Every structure is written in C-alpha cells, then in structure tokens.
Amino acid sequence: MDVEQLRADLVKQMNQQWESILEARHTQLREEVYRQVRRDLTEFAAQTLTASKDLTDQRLVELIRLIEAARIQDRQRIAAALEQVELNRLQDKTQFRNGLQTLVARASEAPPTTQN
C-alpha cells in the first residue's frame, strides 16, 4: 500500500469527521441561539405588556380624577345658578309686592272720579 494514499485517505476521513462534528455543533449552536432569542423576545414582550398596562392604569386613574373634578365643578356651578335663580325670584317677589303696595297706596290717595 502506498503511504501517501493512506495518508490522503486518513486526512479525508478526518476532514469528514471534523465536518460532521462542526456541522452538528453548528446546528446545536443555532438551536441554542434560537431558543435564547425566543426567551429574550418573550421576556421583552412580557415587560412591555406590564409597562403598557401600568401606564394605561395610571392614565385611567388620571382620567377618572379629571372626570370627577369636572363633575364636582359642574355641581358647584349648578348650585350657584340655582341660588342665583332663587335670589332673583325673591327680588322679583319683593319688587312685585312693593309695586302692588305702591299701586294700592296711590289708588287710595287719588280722589274718586265721577262719571256722568
């Protein structure tokens, strides 16, 4: 047998083994990277979802607070308007009563007119 041929065959066989080992390792590394990326993306999505929920909750609480403040302000304005309506009613009543008293007083002071 030729030593060079044996050597060439041995090198070829070793190259095939190394290629097989490297290919298996490459596949394993690719799968590990895929799993790690998937874990990282899942964790990022969960964190983003939590942060989004917290921010939404804060905004809803603020919106509820603003709505309640507006409702209180509306009630205060309505109460003030009703008070003003009542004051106007009392003033009108007083003015009407005073006007009637003045009319009665003038009517009793005027001499009766005779008709022919």
C-alpha atoms as a PDB file:
ATOM      1  CA  MET A   1       0.000   0.000   0.000  1.00  0.00           C
ATOM      2  CA  ASP A   2       1.025   3.457  -0.744  1.00  0.00           C
ATOM      3  CA  VAL A   3       1.785   5.580   2.351  1.00  0.00           C
ATOM      4  CA  GLU A   4       0.731   8.745   0.589  1.00  0.00           C
ATOM      5  CA  GLN A   5      -2.610   7.191  -0.317  1.00  0.00           C
ATOM      6  CA  LEU A   6      -3.106   6.038   3.285  1.00  0.00           C
ATOM      7  CA  ARG A   7      -2.242   9.481   4.477  1.00  0.00           C
ATOM      8  CA  ALA A   8      -4.606  11.108   1.982  1.00  0.00           C
ATOM      9  CA  ASP A   9      -7.379   8.705   2.968  1.00  0.00           C
ATOM     10  CA  LEU A  10      -6.737   9.403   6.645  1.00  0.00           C
ATOM     11  CA  VAL A  11      -6.807  13.149   6.086  1.00  0.00           C
ATOM     12  CA  LYS A  12     -10.003  12.799   4.051  1.00  0.00           C
ATOM     13  CA  GLN A  13     -11.588  10.665   6.764  1.00  0.00           C
ATOM     14  CA  MET A  14     -10.541  13.128   9.490  1.00  0.00           C
ATOM     15  CA  ASN A  15     -11.865  16.036   7.432  1.00  0.00           C
ATOM     16  CA  GLN A  16     -15.218  14.258   7.059  1.00  0.00           C
ATOM     17  CA  GLN A  17     -15.344  13.576  10.807  1.00  0.00           C
ATOM     18  CA  TRP A  18     -14.493  17.200  11.600  1.00  0.00           C
ATOM     19  CA  GLU A  19     -17.078  18.447   9.124  1.00  0.00           C
ATOM     20  CA  SER A  20     -19.667  16.182  10.693  1.00  0.00           C
ATOM     21  CA  ILE A  21     -18.718  17.335  14.216  1.00  0.00           C
ATOM     22  CA  LEU A  22     -18.663  21.008  13.168  1.00  0.00           C
ATOM     23  CA  GLU A  23     -21.995  20.690  11.374  1.00  0.00           C
ATOM     24  CA  ALA A  24     -23.588  19.054  14.434  1.00  0.00           C
ATOM     25  CA  ARG A  25     -22.117  21.758  16.678  1.00  0.00           C
ATOM     26  CA  HIS A  26     -23.292  24.462  14.277  1.00  0.00           C
ATOM     27  CA  THR A  27     -26.831  23.046  14.352  1.00  0.00           C
ATOM     28  CA  GLN A  28     -26.726  22.844  18.139  1.00  0.00           C
ATOM     29  CA  LEU A  29     -25.486  26.434  18.450  1.00  0.00           C
ATOM     30  CA  ARG A  30     -28.117  27.679  16.002  1.00  0.00           C
ATOM     31  CA  GLU A  31     -30.846  25.992  18.057  1.00  0.00           C
ATOM     32  CA  GLU A  32     -29.459  27.416  21.304  1.00  0.00           C
ATOM     33  CA  VAL A  33     -29.345  30.918  19.813  1.00  0.00           C
ATOM     34  CA  TYR A  34     -32.893  30.479  18.511  1.00  0.00           C
ATOM     35  CA  ARG A  35     -34.119  29.415  21.974  1.00  0.00           C
ATOM     36  CA  GLN A  36     -32.280  32.286  23.673  1.00  0.00           C
ATOM     37  CA  VAL A  37     -33.665  34.856  21.224  1.00  0.00           C
ATOM     38  CA  ARG A  38     -37.146  33.420  21.715  1.00  0.00           C
ATOM     39  CA  ARG A  39     -36.759  33.627  25.538  1.00  0.00           C
ATOM     40  CA  ASP A  40     -35.446  37.195  25.286  1.00  0.00           C
ATOM     41  CA  LEU A  41     -38.288  38.263  22.989  1.00  0.00           C
ATOM     42  CA  THR A  42     -40.865  36.610  25.240  1.00  0.00           C
ATOM     43  CA  GLU A  43     -39.420  38.357  28.293  1.00  0.00           C
ATOM     44  CA  PHE A  44     -39.292  41.688  26.441  1.00  0.00           C
ATOM     45  CA  ALA A  45     -42.913  41.267  25.339  1.00  0.00           C
ATOM     46  CA  ALA A  46     -43.988  40.497  28.912  1.00  0.00           C
ATOM     47  CA  GLN A  47     -42.118  43.514  30.278  1.00  0.00           C
ATOM     48  CA  THR A  48     -43.554  45.752  27.561  1.00  0.00           C
ATOM     49  CA  LEU A  49     -47.051  44.464  28.272  1.00  0.00           C
ATOM     50  CA  THR A  50     -46.641  45.099  32.007  1.00  0.00           C
ATOM     51  CA  ALA A  51     -45.285  48.601  31.430  1.00  0.00           C
ATOM     52  CA  SER A  52     -48.094  49.337  28.982  1.00  0.00           C
ATOM     53  CA  LYS A  53     -50.700  48.065  31.458  1.00  0.00           C
ATOM     54  CA  ASP A  54     -49.223  50.171  34.260  1.00  0.00           C
ATOM     55  CA  LEU A  55     -49.190  53.272  32.062  1.00  0.00           C
ATOM     56  CA  THR A  56     -52.767  52.613  30.934  1.00  0.00           C
ATOM     57  CA  ASP A  57     -53.859  52.153  34.551  1.00  0.00           C
ATOM     58  CA  GLN A  58     -52.197  55.456  35.514  1.00  0.00           C
ATOM     59  CA  ARG A  59     -53.874  57.265  32.635  1.00  0.00           C
ATOM     60  CA  LEU A  60     -57.265  55.775  33.510  1.00  0.00           C
ATOM     61  CA  VAL A  61     -56.878  56.847  37.148  1.00  0.00           C
ATOM     62  CA  GLU A  62     -55.970  60.362  35.990  1.00  0.00           C
ATOM     63  CA  LEU A  63     -58.936  60.419  33.592  1.00  0.00           C
ATOM     64  CA  ILE A  64     -61.297  59.314  36.365  1.00  0.00           C
ATOM     65  CA  ARG A  65     -59.859  62.013  38.638  1.00  0.00           C
ATOM     66  CA  LEU A  66     -60.366  64.672  35.952  1.00  0.00           C
ATOM     67  CA  ILE A  67     -63.924  63.498  35.250  1.00  0.00           C
ATOM     68  CA  GLU A  68     -64.764  63.578  38.966  1.00  0.00           C
ATOM     69  CA  ALA A  69     -63.257  67.062  39.311  1.00  0.00           C
ATOM     70  CA  ALA A  70     -65.336  68.235  36.336  1.00  0.00           C
ATOM     71  CA  ARG A  71     -68.482  66.703  37.854  1.00  0.00           C
ATOM     72  CA  ILE A  72     -67.830  68.476  41.167  1.00  0.00           C
ATOM     73  CA  GLN A  73     -67.254  71.751  39.338  1.00  0.00           C
ATOM     74  CA  ASP A  74     -70.469  71.247  37.329  1.00  0.00           C
ATOM     75  CA  ARG A  75     -72.427  70.582  40.544  1.00  0.00           C
ATOM     76  CA  GLN A  76     -70.982  73.723  42.109  1.00  0.00           C
ATOM     77  CA  ARG A  77     -71.928  75.789  39.053  1.00  0.00           C
ATOM     78  CA  ILE A  78     -75.457  74.329  39.043  1.00  0.00           C
ATOM     79  CA  ALA A  79     -75.824  75.026  42.774  1.00  0.00           C
ATOM     80  CA  ALA A  80     -74.634  78.621  42.255  1.00  0.00           C
ATOM     81  CA  ALA A  81     -77.038  79.043  39.333  1.00  0.00           C
ATOM     82  CA  LEU A  82     -79.948  77.691  41.402  1.00  0.00           C
ATOM     83  CA  GLU A  83     -79.031  80.043  44.252  1.00  0.00           C
ATOM     84  CA  GLN A  84     -78.987  82.947  41.795  1.00  0.00           C
ATOM     85  CA  VAL A  85     -82.390  81.878  40.416  1.00  0.00           C
ATOM     86  CA  GLU A  86     -83.767  81.796  43.975  1.00  0.00           C
ATOM     87  CA  LEU A  87     -82.300  85.244  44.743  1.00  0.00           C
ATOM     88  CA  ASN A  88     -83.804  86.614  41.529  1.00  0.00           C
ATOM     89  CA  ARG A  89     -87.175  85.044  42.431  1.00  0.00           C
ATOM     90  CA  LEU A  90     -87.091  86.626  45.882  1.00  0.00           C
ATOM     91  CA  GLN A  91     -86.136  90.014  44.410  1.00  0.00           C
ATOM     92  CA  ASP A  92     -88.924  89.739  41.835  1.00  0.00           C
ATOM     93  CA  LYS A  93     -91.389  88.794  44.584  1.00  0.00           C
ATOM     94  CA  THR A  94     -90.281  91.759  46.699  1.00  0.00           C
ATOM     95  CA  GLN A  95     -90.460  94.142  43.751  1.00  0.00           C
ATOM     96  CA  PHE A  96     -93.890  92.809  42.800  1.00  0.00           C
ATOM     97  CA  ARG A  97     -95.161  93.188  46.395  1.00  0.00           C
ATOM     98  CA  ASN A  98     -93.714  96.706  46.625  1.00  0.00           C
ATOM     99  CA  GLY A  99     -95.273  97.581  43.291  1.00  0.00           C
ATOM    100  CA  LEU A 100     -98.680  96.330  44.429  1.00  0.00           C
ATOM    101  CA  GLN A 101     -98.385  98.246  47.703  1.00  0.00           C
ATOM    102  CA  THR A 102     -97.477 101.396  45.789  1.00  0.00           C
ATOM    103  CA  LEU A 103    -100.411 100.882  43.415  1.00  0.00           C
ATOM    104  CA  VAL A 104    -102.828 100.345  46.323  1.00  0.00           C
ATOM    105  CA  ALA A 105    -101.460 103.374  48.144  1.00  0.00           C
ATOM    106  CA  ARG A 106    -101.819 105.594  45.069  1.00  0.00           C
ATOM    107  CA  ALA A 107    -105.270 104.261  44.358  1.00  0.00           C
ATOM    108  CA  SER A 108    -106.426 105.098  47.878  1.00  0.00           C
ATOM    109  CA  GLU A 109    -104.889 108.590  47.709  1.00  0.00           C
ATOM    110  CA  ALA A 110    -106.469 109.598  44.440  1.00  0.00           C
ATOM    111  CA  PRO A 111    -109.857 111.212  44.611  1.00  0.00           C
ATOM    112  CA  PRO A 112    -112.585 109.128  43.129  1.00  0.00           C
ATOM    113  CA  THR A 113    -113.581 110.189  39.674  1.00  0.00           C
ATOM    114  CA  THR A 114    -117.200 110.636  38.892  1.00  0.00           C
ATOM    115  CA  GLN A 115    -118.726 109.523  35.759  1.00  0.00           C
ATOM    116  CA  ASN A 116    -121.566 111.386  34.143  1.00  0.00           C
END
